[in-house]
């Protein structure tokens, strides 16, 4: 079970990743554009997941954000969290 506080915290992590610079690269810039244009769509959810996964491979991601992203990805994988919960209040 994920608490409302965790959802709010993870929403902030995703917003930081959306602002950049990590993860870096053209693919991630496209993800950021999709999240601005269509956050509640299947494409928006896929873009958010790509940003989260990409941040784990980018050396410029802070250790604190990497730890938060890892916990967020674990919650997604276990089914305790759905990306729509992070994207619905944008």
Foldseek 3Di string as FASTA:
>chain_A
DDDPVLLVVVLVLLVDLLVDDPPDDPLLVVLSVCCVVPCQDPSNQVSSVCSLVRNCVHPPNDPVSNVSSVVVVVCVVVVVDGCCSSSVVD
